[in-house]
Amino acid sequence: MSSRQLQQVKASHILIKHEGSRRKASWKDPDGVRIQSTRRDSAVAQLKALREEIISGSATFEDVASRHSDCSSAKRGGDLGPFKRGQMQRAFEDVAFSLNVGEISDIVDTDSGVHIILRTA
């Protein structure tokens, strides 16, 4: 791995917010009604099902992100673009930097909610 790869990664993600998320609103749920009534285990179950759709090939990561992610990056198919260490929440960053290009993470918990991450570069 080159030093450039260690300094920066490019990733996409799917975020499902829940009652424990620090900001209980999203582009899909501006008033946070659904988010405030979503338990973490329910958010995780939804994300695991979405991950299975992607892994099985029945849906693309980009399509699932654009339909289901609570992050505004949904408009870009979940694409967060390139980022360096210190730009994202630590748990998210640690996983993103540990993935191989093309690999999809398991569930990642942050203050924002639960995510799956696809490293793209």
PDB file of N, CA and C in Angstrom:
ATOM      1  N   MET A   1       0.843  -1.185   0.000  1.00  0.00           N
ATOM      2  CA  MET A   1       0.000   0.000   0.000  1.00  0.00           C
ATOM      3  C   MET A   1       0.887   1.247   0.000  1.00  0.00           C
ATOM      4  N   SER A   2       0.602   2.137  -0.922  1.00  0.00           N
ATOM      5  CA  SER A   2       1.412   3.345  -1.004  1.00  0.00           C
ATOM      6  C   SER A   2       1.046   4.317   0.112  1.00  0.00           C
ATOM      7  N   SER A   3       1.943   5.257   0.367  1.00  0.00           N
ATOM      8  CA  SER A   3       1.658   6.227   1.423  1.00  0.00           C
ATOM      9  C   SER A   3       0.462   7.089   1.047  1.00  0.00           C
ATOM     10  N   ARG A   4       0.230   7.291  -0.252  1.00  0.00           N
ATOM     11  CA  ARG A   4      -0.930   8.072  -0.686  1.00  0.00           C
ATOM     12  C   ARG A   4      -2.221   7.368  -0.272  1.00  0.00           C
ATOM     13  N   GLN A   5      -2.300   6.057  -0.425  1.00  0.00           N
ATOM     14  CA  GLN A   5      -3.500   5.314  -0.043  1.00  0.00           C
ATOM     15  C   GLN A   5      -3.743   5.414   1.461  1.00  0.00           C
ATOM     16  N   LEU A   6      -2.673   5.451   2.224  1.00  0.00           N
ATOM     17  CA  LEU A   6      -2.818   5.546   3.671  1.00  0.00           C
ATOM     18  C   LEU A   6      -3.321   6.916   4.094  1.00  0.00           C
ATOM     19  N   GLN A   7      -3.017   7.940   3.290  1.00  0.00           N
ATOM     20  CA  GLN A   7      -3.395   9.305   3.645  1.00  0.00           C
ATOM     21  C   GLN A   7      -4.841   9.626   3.305  1.00  0.00           C
ATOM     22  N   GLN A   8      -5.400   8.946   2.298  1.00  0.00           N
ATOM     23  CA  GLN A   8      -6.721   9.318   1.816  1.00  0.00           C
ATOM     24  C   GLN A   8      -7.432   8.099   1.239  1.00  0.00           C
ATOM     25  N   VAL A   9      -8.717   8.015   1.454  1.00  0.00           N
ATOM     26  CA  VAL A   9      -9.533   6.989   0.822  1.00  0.00           C
ATOM     27  C   VAL A   9     -10.737   7.682   0.181  1.00  0.00           C
ATOM     28  N   LYS A  10     -11.412   6.942  -0.668  1.00  0.00           N
ATOM     29  CA  LYS A  10     -12.667   7.415  -1.243  1.00  0.00           C
ATOM     30  C   LYS A  10     -13.694   6.352  -0.913  1.00  0.00           C
ATOM     31  N   ALA A  11     -14.849   6.775  -0.438  1.00  0.00           N
ATOM     32  CA  ALA A  11     -15.854   5.803  -0.029  1.00  0.00           C
ATOM     33  C   ALA A  11     -17.262   6.334  -0.255  1.00  0.00           C
ATOM     34  N   SER A  12     -18.175   5.371  -0.305  1.00  0.00           N
ATOM     35  CA  SER A  12     -19.604   5.660  -0.321  1.00  0.00           C
ATOM     36  C   SER A  12     -20.189   5.000   0.914  1.00  0.00           C
ATOM     37  N   HIS A  13     -21.359   5.462   1.336  1.00  0.00           N
ATOM     38  CA  HIS A  13     -21.969   4.821   2.501  1.00  0.00           C
ATOM     39  C   HIS A  13     -23.480   4.901   2.420  1.00  0.00           C
ATOM     40  N   ILE A  14     -24.099   4.082   3.236  1.00  0.00           N
ATOM     41  CA  ILE A  14     -25.540   4.139   3.452  1.00  0.00           C
ATOM     42  C   ILE A  14     -25.716   4.339   4.949  1.00  0.00           C
ATOM     43  N   LEU A  15     -26.436   5.379   5.316  1.00  0.00           N
ATOM     44  CA  LEU A  15     -26.679   5.727   6.716  1.00  0.00           C
ATOM     45  C   LEU A  15     -28.152   5.519   7.037  1.00  0.00           C
ATOM     46  N   ILE A  16     -28.408   4.806   8.115  1.00  0.00           N
ATOM     47  CA  ILE A  16     -29.764   4.717   8.656  1.00  0.00           C
ATOM     48  C   ILE A  16     -29.718   5.347  10.047  1.00  0.00           C
ATOM     49  N   LYS A  17     -30.461   6.421  10.209  1.00  0.00           N
ATOM     50  CA  LYS A  17     -30.515   7.106  11.506  1.00  0.00           C
ATOM     51  C   LYS A  17     -31.534   6.413  12.402  1.00  0.00           C
ATOM     52  N   HIS A  18     -31.381   6.609  13.697  1.00  0.00           N
ATOM     53  CA  HIS A  18     -32.301   6.013  14.671  1.00  0.00           C
ATOM     54  C   HIS A  18     -32.449   6.940  15.860  1.00  0.00           C
ATOM     55  N   GLU A  19     -33.235   6.520  16.846  1.00  0.00           N
ATOM     56  CA  GLU A  19     -33.556   7.380  17.994  1.00  0.00           C
ATOM     57  C   GLU A  19     -32.325   7.866  18.754  1.00  0.00           C
ATOM     58  N   GLY A  20     -31.207   7.163  18.636  1.00  0.00           N
ATOM     59  CA  GLY A  20     -29.983   7.559  19.318  1.00  0.00           C
ATOM     60  C   GLY A  20     -29.071   8.442  18.491  1.00  0.00           C
ATOM     61  N   SER A  21     -29.445   8.740  17.253  1.00  0.00           N
ATOM     62  CA  SER A  21     -28.611   9.568  16.374  1.00  0.00           C
ATOM     63  C   SER A  21     -28.544  10.998  16.895  1.00  0.00           C
ATOM     64  N   ARG A  22     -27.407  11.639  16.685  1.00  0.00           N
ATOM     65  CA  ARG A  22     -27.231  12.991  17.237  1.00  0.00           C
ATOM     66  C   ARG A  22     -28.141  14.010  16.557  1.00  0.00           C
ATOM     67  N   ARG A  23     -28.405  13.844  15.264  1.00  0.00           N
ATOM     68  CA  ARG A  23     -29.345  14.737  14.573  1.00  0.00           C
ATOM     69  C   ARG A  23     -30.491  13.888  14.049  1.00  0.00           C
ATOM     70  N   LYS A  24     -31.669  14.102  14.581  1.00  0.00           N
ATOM     71  CA  LYS A  24     -32.808  13.242  14.266  1.00  0.00           C
ATOM     72  C   LYS A  24     -33.654  13.818  13.134  1.00  0.00           C
ATOM     73  N   ALA A  25     -33.004  14.148  12.045  1.00  0.00           N
ATOM     74  CA  ALA A  25     -33.691  14.606  10.843  1.00  0.00           C
ATOM     75  C   ALA A  25     -32.812  14.262   9.652  1.00  0.00           C
ATOM     76  N   SER A  26     -33.432  14.141   8.503  1.00  0.00           N
ATOM     77  CA  SER A  26     -32.666  13.875   7.282  1.00  0.00           C
ATOM     78  C   SER A  26     -33.428  14.447   6.099  1.00  0.00           C
ATOM     79  N   TRP A  27     -32.824  14.357   4.933  1.00  0.00           N
ATOM     80  CA  TRP A  27     -33.471  14.864   3.724  1.00  0.00           C
ATOM     81  C   TRP A  27     -34.782  14.123   3.477  1.00  0.00           C
ATOM     82  N   LYS A  28     -34.862  12.843   3.901  1.00  0.00           N
ATOM     83  CA  LYS A  28     -36.069  12.045   3.697  1.00  0.00           C
ATOM     84  C   LYS A  28     -37.094  12.268   4.801  1.00  0.00           C
ATOM     85  N   ASP A  29     -36.635  12.697   5.946  1.00  0.00           N
ATOM     86  CA  ASP A  29     -37.473  12.811   7.140  1.00  0.00           C
ATOM     87  C   ASP A  29     -37.143  14.130   7.844  1.00  0.00           C
ATOM     88  N   PRO A  30     -37.491  15.261   7.212  1.00  0.00           N
ATOM     89  CA  PRO A  30     -37.068  16.571   7.720  1.00  0.00           C
ATOM     90  C   PRO A  30     -37.514  16.871   9.145  1.00  0.00           C
ATOM     91  N   ASP A  31     -38.641  16.315   9.552  1.00  0.00           N
ATOM     92  CA  ASP A  31     -39.124  16.547  10.912  1.00  0.00           C
ATOM     93  C   ASP A  31     -38.676  15.458  11.879  1.00  0.00           C
ATOM     94  N   GLY A  32     -38.000  14.459  11.366  1.00  0.00           N
ATOM     95  CA  GLY A  32     -37.457  13.404  12.214  1.00  0.00           C
ATOM     96  C   GLY A  32     -38.490  12.467  12.817  1.00  0.00           C
ATOM     97  N   VAL A  33     -39.686  12.427  12.265  1.00  0.00           N
ATOM     98  CA  VAL A  33     -40.755  11.597  12.825  1.00  0.00           C
ATOM     99  C   VAL A  33     -40.383  10.114  12.782  1.00  0.00           C
ATOM    100  N   ARG A  34     -39.954   9.642  11.605  1.00  0.00           N
ATOM    101  CA  ARG A  34     -39.571   8.232  11.459  1.00  0.00           C
ATOM    102  C   ARG A  34     -38.310   7.929  12.262  1.00  0.00           C
ATOM    103  N   ILE A  35     -37.340   8.811  12.192  1.00  0.00           N
ATOM    104  CA  ILE A  35     -36.062   8.585  12.875  1.00  0.00           C
ATOM    105  C   ILE A  35     -36.261   8.464  14.385  1.00  0.00           C
ATOM    106  N   GLN A  36     -37.057   9.351  14.957  1.00  0.00           N
ATOM    107  CA  GLN A  36     -37.263   9.333  16.412  1.00  0.00           C
ATOM    108  C   GLN A  36     -37.984   8.080  16.894  1.00  0.00           C
ATOM    109  N   SER A  37     -38.702   7.402  15.985  1.00  0.00           N
ATOM    110  CA  SER A  37     -39.412   6.185  16.391  1.00  0.00           C
ATOM    111  C   SER A  37     -38.689   4.921  15.920  1.00  0.00           C
ATOM    112  N   THR A  38     -37.476   5.065  15.383  1.00  0.00           N
ATOM    113  CA  THR A  38     -36.699   3.916  14.919  1.00  0.00           C
ATOM    114  C   THR A  38     -35.691   3.512  15.978  1.00  0.00           C
ATOM    115  N   ARG A  39     -35.801   2.291  16.457  1.00  0.00           N
ATOM    116  CA  ARG A  39     -34.825   1.785  17.423  1.00  0.00           C
ATOM    117  C   ARG A  39     -33.562   1.364  16.689  1.00  0.00           C
ATOM    118  N   ARG A  40     -32.435   1.383  17.403  1.00  0.00           N
ATOM    119  CA  ARG A  40     -31.162   1.022  16.788  1.00  0.00           C
ATOM    120  C   ARG A  40     -31.215  -0.380  16.189  1.00  0.00           C
ATOM    121  N   ASP A  41     -31.780  -1.356  16.902  1.00  0.00           N
ATOM    122  CA  ASP A  41     -31.802  -2.725  16.380  1.00  0.00           C
ATOM    123  C   ASP A  41     -32.631  -2.829  15.105  1.00  0.00           C
ATOM    124  N   SER A  42     -33.650  -2.006  14.992  1.00  0.00           N
ATOM    125  CA  SER A  42     -34.462  -1.964  13.780  1.00  0.00           C
ATOM    126  C   SER A  42     -33.662  -1.357  12.626  1.00  0.00           C
ATOM    127  N   ALA A  43     -32.901  -0.302  12.906  1.00  0.00           N
ATOM    128  CA  ALA A  43     -32.043   0.325  11.888  1.00  0.00           C
ATOM    129  C   ALA A  43     -30.984  -0.662  11.413  1.00  0.00           C
ATOM    130  N   VAL A  44     -30.401  -1.409  12.345  1.00  0.00           N
ATOM    131  CA  VAL A  44     -29.385  -2.412  11.997  1.00  0.00           C
ATOM    132  C   VAL A  44     -30.001  -3.509  11.129  1.00  0.00           C
ATOM    133  N   ALA A  45     -31.182  -3.977  11.493  1.00  0.00           N
ATOM    134  CA  ALA A  45     -31.854  -5.022  10.712  1.00  0.00           C
ATOM    135  C   ALA A  45     -32.131  -4.537   9.291  1.00  0.00           C
ATOM    136  N   GLN A  46     -32.582  -3.292   9.165  1.00  0.00           N
ATOM    137  CA  GLN A  46     -32.846  -2.730   7.834  1.00  0.00           C
ATOM    138  C   GLN A  46     -31.557  -2.667   7.017  1.00  0.00           C
ATOM    139  N   LEU A  47     -30.492  -2.211   7.642  1.00  0.00           N
ATOM    140  CA  LEU A  47     -29.212  -2.074   6.955  1.00  0.00           C
ATOM    141  C   LEU A  47     -28.656  -3.432   6.545  1.00  0.00           C
ATOM    142  N   LYS A  48     -28.791  -4.442   7.412  1.00  0.00           N
ATOM    143  CA  LYS A  48     -28.325  -5.795   7.068  1.00  0.00           C
ATOM    144  C   LYS A  48     -29.079  -6.333   5.859  1.00  0.00           C
ATOM    145  N   ALA A  49     -30.383  -6.085   5.803  1.00  0.00           N
ATOM    146  CA  ALA A  49     -31.183  -6.534   4.656  1.00  0.00           C
ATOM    147  C   ALA A  49     -30.741  -5.819   3.378  1.00  0.00           C
ATOM    148  N   LEU A  50     -30.476  -4.522   3.476  1.00  0.00           N
ATOM    149  CA  LEU A  50     -30.004  -3.762   2.312  1.00  0.00           C
ATOM    150  C   LEU A  50     -28.640  -4.256   1.865  1.00  0.00           C
ATOM    151  N   ARG A  51     -27.764  -4.555   2.819  1.00  0.00           N
ATOM    152  CA  ARG A  51     -26.430  -5.072   2.506  1.00  0.00           C
ATOM    153  C   ARG A  51     -26.548  -6.402   1.754  1.00  0.00           C
ATOM    154  N   GLU A  52     -27.474  -7.267   2.189  1.00  0.00           N
ATOM    155  CA  GLU A  52     -27.693  -8.550   1.510  1.00  0.00           C
ATOM    156  C   GLU A  52     -28.147  -8.350   0.076  1.00  0.00           C
ATOM    157  N   GLU A  53     -29.017  -7.373  -0.162  1.00  0.00           N
ATOM    158  CA  GLU A  53     -29.463  -7.065  -1.531  1.00  0.00           C
ATOM    159  C   GLU A  53     -28.268  -6.727  -2.410  1.00  0.00           C
ATOM    160  N   ILE A  54     -27.353  -5.935  -1.868  1.00  0.00           N
ATOM    161  CA  ILE A  54     -26.173  -5.503  -2.627  1.00  0.00           C
ATOM    162  C   ILE A  54     -25.232  -6.685  -2.860  1.00  0.00           C
ATOM    163  N   ILE A  55     -24.924  -7.437  -1.802  1.00  0.00           N
ATOM    164  CA  ILE A  55     -23.995  -8.568  -1.897  1.00  0.00           C
ATOM    165  C   ILE A  55     -24.522  -9.625  -2.880  1.00  0.00           C
ATOM    166  N   SER A  56     -25.845  -9.863  -2.847  1.00  0.00           N
ATOM    167  CA  SER A  56     -26.447 -10.884  -3.712  1.00  0.00           C
ATOM    168  C   SER A  56     -26.512 -10.440  -5.169  1.00  0.00           C
ATOM    169  N   GLY A  57     -26.329  -9.136  -5.410  1.00  0.00           N
ATOM    170  CA  GLY A  57     -26.374  -8.626  -6.775  1.00  0.00           C
ATOM    171  C   GLY A  57     -27.765  -8.206  -7.223  1.00  0.00           C
ATOM    172  N   SER A  58     -28.756  -8.255  -6.330  1.00  0.00           N
ATOM    173  CA  SER A  58     -30.113  -7.869  -6.736  1.00  0.00           C
ATOM    174  C   SER A  58     -30.293  -6.347  -6.775  1.00  0.00           C
ATOM    175  N   ALA A  59     -29.328  -5.609  -6.232  1.00  0.00           N
ATOM    176  CA  ALA A  59     -29.362  -4.140  -6.292  1.00  0.00           C
ATOM    177  C   ALA A  59     -27.934  -3.621  -6.223  1.00  0.00           C
ATOM    178  N   THR A  60     -27.718  -2.432  -6.791  1.00  0.00           N
ATOM    179  CA  THR A  60     -26.386  -1.834  -6.704  1.00  0.00           C
ATOM    180  C   THR A  60     -26.302  -0.986  -5.439  1.00  0.00           C
ATOM    181  N   PHE A  61     -25.084  -0.792  -4.961  1.00  0.00           N
ATOM    182  CA  PHE A  61     -24.860   0.046  -3.783  1.00  0.00           C
ATOM    183  C   PHE A  61     -25.443   1.435  -4.019  1.00  0.00           C
ATOM    184  N   GLU A  62     -25.169   1.989  -5.211  1.00  0.00           N
ATOM    185  CA  GLU A  62     -25.599   3.353  -5.531  1.00  0.00           C
ATOM    186  C   GLU A  62     -27.121   3.474  -5.500  1.00  0.00           C
ATOM    187  N   ASP A  63     -27.812   2.467  -6.062  1.00  0.00           N
ATOM    188  CA  ASP A  63     -29.269   2.511  -6.097  1.00  0.00           C
ATOM    189  C   ASP A  63     -29.854   2.416  -4.688  1.00  0.00           C
ATOM    190  N   VAL A  64     -29.328   1.496  -3.892  1.00  0.00           N
ATOM    191  CA  VAL A  64     -29.814   1.337  -2.517  1.00  0.00           C
ATOM    192  C   VAL A  64     -29.557   2.618  -1.716  1.00  0.00           C
ATOM    193  N   ALA A  65     -28.357   3.174  -1.864  1.00  0.00           N
ATOM    194  CA  ALA A  65     -28.032   4.420  -1.144  1.00  0.00           C
ATOM    195  C   ALA A  65     -28.981   5.540  -1.546  1.00  0.00           C
ATOM    196  N   SER A  66     -29.240   5.680  -2.835  1.00  0.00           N
ATOM    197  CA  SER A  66     -30.074   6.799  -3.290  1.00  0.00           C
ATOM    198  C   SER A  66     -31.506   6.657  -2.792  1.00  0.00           C
ATOM    199  N   ARG A  67     -31.975   5.430  -2.555  1.00  0.00           N
ATOM    200  CA  ARG A  67     -33.343   5.212  -2.090  1.00  0.00           C
ATOM    201  C   ARG A  67     -33.477   5.183  -0.572  1.00  0.00           C
ATOM    202  N   HIS A  68     -32.439   4.718   0.138  1.00  0.00           N
ATOM    203  CA  HIS A  68     -32.608   4.432   1.557  1.00  0.00           C
ATOM    204  C   HIS A  68     -31.734   5.232   2.525  1.00  0.00           C
ATOM    205  N   SER A  69     -30.617   5.798   2.058  1.00  0.00           N
ATOM    206  CA  SER A  69     -29.705   6.464   2.992  1.00  0.00           C
ATOM    207  C   SER A  69     -30.301   7.750   3.549  1.00  0.00           C
ATOM    208  N   ASP A  70     -30.085   7.968   4.852  1.00  0.00           N
ATOM    209  CA  ASP A  70     -30.522   9.203   5.498  1.00  0.00           C
ATOM    210  C   ASP A  70     -29.517  10.331   5.314  1.00  0.00           C
ATOM    211  N   CYS A  71     -28.399  10.063   4.673  1.00  0.00           N
ATOM    212  CA  CYS A  71     -27.387  11.096   4.430  1.00  0.00           C
ATOM    213  C   CYS A  71     -27.699  11.820   3.124  1.00  0.00           C
ATOM    214  N   SER A  72     -27.394  13.104   3.075  1.00  0.00           N
ATOM    215  CA  SER A  72     -27.625  13.863   1.837  1.00  0.00           C
ATOM    216  C   SER A  72     -26.763  13.330   0.688  1.00  0.00           C
ATOM    217  N   SER A  73     -25.735  12.526   0.990  1.00  0.00           N
ATOM    218  CA  SER A  73     -24.931  11.904  -0.070  1.00  0.00           C
ATOM    219  C   SER A  73     -25.755  10.910  -0.885  1.00  0.00           C
ATOM    220  N   ALA A  74     -26.965  10.594  -0.439  1.00  0.00           N
ATOM    221  CA  ALA A  74     -27.865   9.706  -1.196  1.00  0.00           C
ATOM    222  C   ALA A  74     -28.060  10.231  -2.617  1.00  0.00           C
ATOM    223  N   LYS A  75     -28.070  11.546  -2.757  1.00  0.00           N
ATOM    224  CA  LYS A  75     -28.252  12.162  -4.081  1.00  0.00           C
ATOM    225  C   LYS A  75     -27.103  11.802  -5.023  1.00  0.00           C
ATOM    226  N   ARG A  76     -25.974  11.378  -4.464  1.00  0.00           N
ATOM    227  CA  ARG A  76     -24.806  10.973  -5.260  1.00  0.00           C
ATOM    228  C   ARG A  76     -24.583   9.462  -5.143  1.00  0.00           C
ATOM    229  N   GLY A  77     -25.625   8.713  -4.830  1.00  0.00           N
ATOM    230  CA  GLY A  77     -25.496   7.270  -4.676  1.00  0.00           C
ATOM    231  C   GLY A  77     -24.664   6.887  -3.466  1.00  0.00           C
ATOM    232  N   GLY A  78     -24.609   7.784  -2.480  1.00  0.00           N
ATOM    233  CA  GLY A  78     -23.850   7.523  -1.255  1.00  0.00           C
ATOM    234  C   GLY A  78     -22.403   7.975  -1.303  1.00  0.00           C
ATOM    235  N   ASP A  79     -21.973   8.514  -2.443  1.00  0.00           N
ATOM    236  CA  ASP A  79     -20.568   8.894  -2.625  1.00  0.00           C
ATOM    237  C   ASP A  79     -20.172  10.057  -1.721  1.00  0.00           C
ATOM    238  N   LEU A  80     -19.174   9.820  -0.873  1.00  0.00           N
ATOM    239  CA  LEU A  80     -18.647  10.856   0.013  1.00  0.00           C
ATOM    240  C   LEU A  80     -17.423  11.540  -0.576  1.00  0.00           C
ATOM    241  N   GLY A  81     -16.915  10.989  -1.679  1.00  0.00           N
ATOM    242  CA  GLY A  81     -15.699  11.532  -2.266  1.00  0.00           C
ATOM    243  C   GLY A  81     -14.487  11.144  -1.432  1.00  0.00           C
ATOM    244  N   PRO A  82     -13.314  11.696  -1.754  1.00  0.00           N
ATOM    245  CA  PRO A  82     -12.100  11.368  -1.008  1.00  0.00           C
ATOM    246  C   PRO A  82     -12.050  12.097   0.330  1.00  0.00           C
ATOM    247  N   PHE A  83     -11.484  11.454   1.323  1.00  0.00           N
ATOM    248  CA  PHE A  83     -11.288  12.104   2.621  1.00  0.00           C
ATOM    249  C   PHE A  83     -10.042  11.566   3.297  1.00  0.00           C
ATOM    250  N   LYS A  84      -9.512  12.407   4.172  1.00  0.00           N
ATOM    251  CA  LYS A  84      -8.302  12.074   4.931  1.00  0.00           C
ATOM    252  C   LYS A  84      -8.699  11.741   6.360  1.00  0.00           C
ATOM    253  N   ARG A  85      -7.744  11.233   7.116  1.00  0.00           N
ATOM    254  CA  ARG A  85      -7.988  11.001   8.543  1.00  0.00           C
ATOM    255  C   ARG A  85      -8.290  12.332   9.221  1.00  0.00           C
ATOM    256  N   GLY A  86      -9.208  12.304  10.156  1.00  0.00           N
ATOM    257  CA  GLY A  86      -9.571  13.512  10.878  1.00  0.00           C
ATOM    258  C   GLY A  86     -10.766  14.237  10.302  1.00  0.00           C
ATOM    259  N   GLN A  87     -11.286  13.765   9.158  1.00  0.00           N
ATOM    260  CA  GLN A  87     -12.420  14.450   8.529  1.00  0.00           C
ATOM    261  C   GLN A  87     -13.759  13.796   8.869  1.00  0.00           C
ATOM    262  N   MET A  88     -13.731  12.536   9.242  1.00  0.00           N
ATOM    263  CA  MET A  88     -14.956  11.792   9.560  1.00  0.00           C
ATOM    264  C   MET A  88     -14.903  11.359  11.028  1.00  0.00           C
ATOM    265  N   GLN A  89     -16.019  10.820  11.516  1.00  0.00           N
ATOM    266  CA  GLN A  89     -16.017  10.284  12.874  1.00  0.00           C
ATOM    267  C   GLN A  89     -15.064   9.090  12.928  1.00  0.00           C
ATOM    268  N   ARG A  90     -14.396   8.933  14.040  1.00  0.00           N
ATOM    269  CA  ARG A  90     -13.307   7.968  14.180  1.00  0.00           C
ATOM    270  C   ARG A  90     -13.689   6.535  13.792  1.00  0.00           C
ATOM    271  N   ALA A  91     -14.813   6.034  14.286  1.00  0.00           N
ATOM    272  CA  ALA A  91     -15.218   4.660  13.981  1.00  0.00           C
ATOM    273  C   ALA A  91     -15.428   4.480  12.478  1.00  0.00           C
ATOM    274  N   PHE A  92     -16.033   5.477  11.847  1.00  0.00           N
ATOM    275  CA  PHE A  92     -16.285   5.434  10.404  1.00  0.00           C
ATOM    276  C   PHE A  92     -14.963   5.401   9.643  1.00  0.00           C
ATOM    277  N   GLU A  93     -14.090   6.311  10.026  1.00  0.00           N
ATOM    278  CA  GLU A  93     -12.777   6.429   9.401  1.00  0.00           C
ATOM    279  C   GLU A  93     -11.957   5.152   9.532  1.00  0.00           C
ATOM    280  N   ASP A  94     -11.912   4.604  10.744  1.00  0.00           N
ATOM    281  CA  ASP A  94     -11.128   3.391  10.985  1.00  0.00           C
ATOM    282  C   ASP A  94     -11.560   2.268  10.056  1.00  0.00           C
ATOM    283  N   VAL A  95     -12.859   2.107   9.884  1.00  0.00           N
ATOM    284  CA  VAL A  95     -13.359   1.046   9.005  1.00  0.00           C
ATOM    285  C   VAL A  95     -13.056   1.376   7.546  1.00  0.00           C
ATOM    286  N   ALA A  96     -13.345   2.605   7.123  1.00  0.00           N
ATOM    287  CA  ALA A  96     -13.111   2.993   5.726  1.00  0.00           C
ATOM    288  C   ALA A  96     -11.656   2.769   5.323  1.00  0.00           C
ATOM    289  N   PHE A  97     -10.732   3.123   6.198  1.00  0.00           N
ATOM    290  CA  PHE A  97      -9.309   2.970   5.892  1.00  0.00           C
ATOM    291  C   PHE A  97      -8.869   1.499   5.940  1.00  0.00           C
ATOM    292  N   SER A  98      -9.625   0.643   6.628  1.00  0.00           N
ATOM    293  CA  SER A  98      -9.236  -0.771   6.733  1.00  0.00           C
ATOM    294  C   SER A  98      -9.774  -1.620   5.587  1.00  0.00           C
ATOM    295  N   LEU A  99     -10.762  -1.104   4.855  1.00  0.00           N
ATOM    296  CA  LEU A  99     -11.358  -1.870   3.762  1.00  0.00           C
ATOM    297  C   LEU A  99     -10.449  -1.889   2.544  1.00  0.00           C
ATOM    298  N   ASN A 100     -10.564  -2.954   1.755  1.00  0.00           N
ATOM    299  CA  ASN A 100      -9.935  -2.986   0.436  1.00  0.00           C
ATOM    300  C   ASN A 100     -10.886  -2.290  -0.539  1.00  0.00           C
ATOM    301  N   VAL A 101     -10.351  -1.779  -1.636  1.00  0.00           N
ATOM    302  CA  VAL A 101     -11.184  -1.140  -2.654  1.00  0.00           C
ATOM    303  C   VAL A 101     -12.205  -2.168  -3.143  1.00  0.00           C
ATOM    304  N   GLY A 102     -13.473  -1.767  -3.184  1.00  0.00           N
ATOM    305  CA  GLY A 102     -14.548  -2.650  -3.625  1.00  0.00           C
ATOM    306  C   GLY A 102     -15.192  -3.453  -2.507  1.00  0.00           C
ATOM    307  N   GLU A 103     -14.629  -3.367  -1.313  1.00  0.00           N
ATOM    308  CA  GLU A 103     -15.146  -4.128  -0.171  1.00  0.00           C
ATOM    309  C   GLU A 103     -16.216  -3.321   0.566  1.00  0.00           C
ATOM    310  N   ILE A 104     -17.240  -4.037   1.043  1.00  0.00           N
ATOM    311  CA  ILE A 104     -18.333  -3.424   1.807  1.00  0.00           C
ATOM    312  C   ILE A 104     -18.195  -3.847   3.263  1.00  0.00           C
ATOM    313  N   SER A 105     -18.291  -2.887   4.145  1.00  0.00           N
ATOM    314  CA  SER A 105     -18.140  -3.147   5.579  1.00  0.00           C
ATOM    315  C   SER A 105     -19.358  -3.857   6.162  1.00  0.00           C
ATOM    316  N   ASP A 106     -19.177  -4.351   7.376  1.00  0.00           N
ATOM    317  CA  ASP A 106     -20.305  -4.755   8.188  1.00  0.00           C
ATOM    318  C   ASP A 106     -20.899  -3.475   8.773  1.00  0.00           C
ATOM    319  N   ILE A 107     -21.815  -3.596   9.701  1.00  0.00           N
ATOM    320  CA  ILE A 107     -22.457  -2.444  10.332  1.00  0.00           C
ATOM    321  C   ILE A 107     -21.429  -1.627  11.121  1.00  0.00           C
ATOM    322  N   VAL A 108     -21.439  -0.315  10.913  1.00  0.00           N
ATOM    323  CA  VAL A 108     -20.561   0.602  11.627  1.00  0.00           C
ATOM    324  C   VAL A 108     -21.431   1.587  12.401  1.00  0.00           C
ATOM    325  N   ASP A 109     -21.203   1.663  13.701  1.00  0.00           N
ATOM    326  CA  ASP A 109     -21.947   2.583  14.572  1.00  0.00           C
ATOM    327  C   ASP A 109     -21.197   3.887  14.738  1.00  0.00           C
ATOM    328  N   THR A 110     -21.891   5.024  14.548  1.00  0.00           N
ATOM    329  CA  THR A 110     -21.319   6.334  14.881  1.00  0.00           C
ATOM    330  C   THR A 110     -22.417   7.153  15.572  1.00  0.00           C
ATOM    331  N   ASP A 111     -22.061   8.360  15.971  1.00  0.00           N
ATOM    332  CA  ASP A 111     -23.047   9.257  16.568  1.00  0.00           C
ATOM    333  C   ASP A 111     -24.148   9.638  15.574  1.00  0.00           C
ATOM    334  N   SER A 112     -23.883   9.456  14.284  1.00  0.00           N
ATOM    335  CA  SER A 112     -24.868   9.797  13.259  1.00  0.00           C
ATOM    336  C   SER A 112     -25.925   8.718  13.074  1.00  0.00           C
ATOM    337  N   GLY A 113     -25.562   7.471  13.376  1.00  0.00           N
ATOM    338  CA  GLY A 113     -26.469   6.343  13.167  1.00  0.00           C
ATOM    339  C   GLY A 113     -25.661   5.104  12.822  1.00  0.00           C
ATOM    340  N   VAL A 114     -26.271   4.215  12.033  1.00  0.00           N
ATOM    341  CA  VAL A 114     -25.555   3.013  11.600  1.00  0.00           C
ATOM    342  C   VAL A 114     -25.320   3.097  10.104  1.00  0.00           C
ATOM    343  N   HIS A 115     -24.168   2.602   9.680  1.00  0.00           N
ATOM    344  CA  HIS A 115     -23.745   2.717   8.285  1.00  0.00           C
ATOM    345  C   HIS A 115     -23.262   1.372   7.770  1.00  0.00           C
ATOM    346  N   ILE A 116     -23.265   1.255   6.429  1.00  0.00           N
ATOM    347  CA  ILE A 116     -22.367   0.319   5.751  1.00  0.00           C
ATOM    348  C   ILE A 116     -21.550   1.185   4.800  1.00  0.00           C
ATOM    349  N   ILE A 117     -20.304   0.810   4.646  1.00  0.00           N
ATOM    350  CA  ILE A 117     -19.354   1.618   3.870  1.00  0.00           C
ATOM    351  C   ILE A 117     -18.805   0.784   2.728  1.00  0.00           C
ATOM    352  N   LEU A 118     -18.737   1.383   1.557  1.00  0.00           N
ATOM    353  CA  LEU A 118     -18.108   0.786   0.378  1.00  0.00           C
ATOM    354  C   LEU A 118     -16.889   1.629   0.050  1.00  0.00           C
ATOM    355  N   ARG A 119     -15.711   1.010   0.128  1.00  0.00           N
ATOM    356  CA  ARG A 119     -14.506   1.753  -0.259  1.00  0.00           C
ATOM    357  C   ARG A 119     -14.392   1.721  -1.785  1.00  0.00           C
ATOM    358  N   THR A 120     -14.264   2.880  -2.383  1.00  0.00           N
ATOM    359  CA  THR A 120     -14.245   2.976  -3.847  1.00  0.00           C
ATOM    360  C   THR A 120     -12.873   3.326  -4.416  1.00  0.00           C
ATOM    361  N   ALA A 121     -11.975   3.831  -3.606  1.00  0.00           N
ATOM    362  CA  ALA A 121     -10.616   4.129  -4.085  1.00  0.00           C
ATOM    363  C   ALA A 121      -9.690   4.312  -2.877  1.00  0.00           C
TER     364      ALA A 121
END
